Amino acid sequence: MASSNSVTVKDLIICVICHELFDDPRLMPCSHTYCYKCIDKMASVNKDQFECVLRDGCKIWKKDIDSLPLNQTICDLVELYSK
């Protein structure tokens, strides 16, 4: 039986920045995942640098966002959830 504070699959596939299903989810060096567009947008308004919003100190320069790997597991979960 699930408790009232248990995490759902949907909780795992929602970006904490835009609060939407992940779109082009990118894996940060700290292992957190955000939408590519969210990382890019936040870097654009923060002197071309994105700092992990979960406050773990991880930062990435805007010029390096394209090199972040796609989180294929999250892509697969979003696709499965959407069906």
Foldseek 3Di string as FASTA:
>chain_A
DDDPPDDDLLNVQAAPQPRHGADQWFAAPVRDIHHLVRQLVVCVVVVQKGAPPVPPGGMDGNVCSVVTDGPVVSVVSSVVVVD
